[in-house]
């Protein structure tokens, strides 16, 4: 089975749009719909008809284009069961543990409470691709807006067992700021130092820094490195649980400049 064509683009101020297309069936999905005009322009550029929207959570900058795109293309919207009433135009509600078929491929659903209570992620094993929304970012994670710190810790770290080559598509271009924070809590991490150099060069050229991979995140994302001795020492939490370290990291990131 050939790999899907995946095209990522910037929209709004810092949102990522992602369109995935299967040439055999013509199935075409948008991962979230941050902006209808931007998604439509990307579709028209390659002559594609939108068949589905995979919605990760209810925040406006992820669903703003739902109804307009549905009006234009008649696409079906798949979104989180636990906040279905907040997803404009939703047709199919799914929850963690569910699987469904799209373009002949299995799609697995993860529950990811924390950023929002009903947040979900979509994982396509055949493509080694995780569409994480605002749960995991490059070297970061989403703010805990509706759930608990413990829920967010579990949501982020449930992705650890995925193959290291798995591509992580996230909702925003926050990588530079996340990198600065990561270096502040784990400055001795050689992998992180190297990644920081690459990211700085990418952004200087105006390039996107995502998708990353699970392997990269395990090496450089502090929210997936709560067992790091250096992080624990810098936080003065040498004997704390991983969940407690995660919570302190998230609290510090909230006010980091």
Foldseek 3Di string as FASTA:
>chain_A
DDAWDKDWDADDPWWIWIWTADPVVLAIEIAFPQDQVVVVVVCVVVVGAYAEYEAFDQDNSRQVNPVVSCVVRVHAYEYAPVPVVRHPRHDHHDAAPDWDADPNFIKGKHQQAFLHRRGIWIATLVNLEIEREQLDDQLEHHHRDHDDLLSSLCNNQVCLPRPQARWYHYTGQPNQLSLVLLCVQCVPQPLSVVVNVVVVVCVVVVHGPDRDTSNSCCRGRVSNPLVDCSNCVSVVNNPPDSSVSNVVSSVCSVPPD
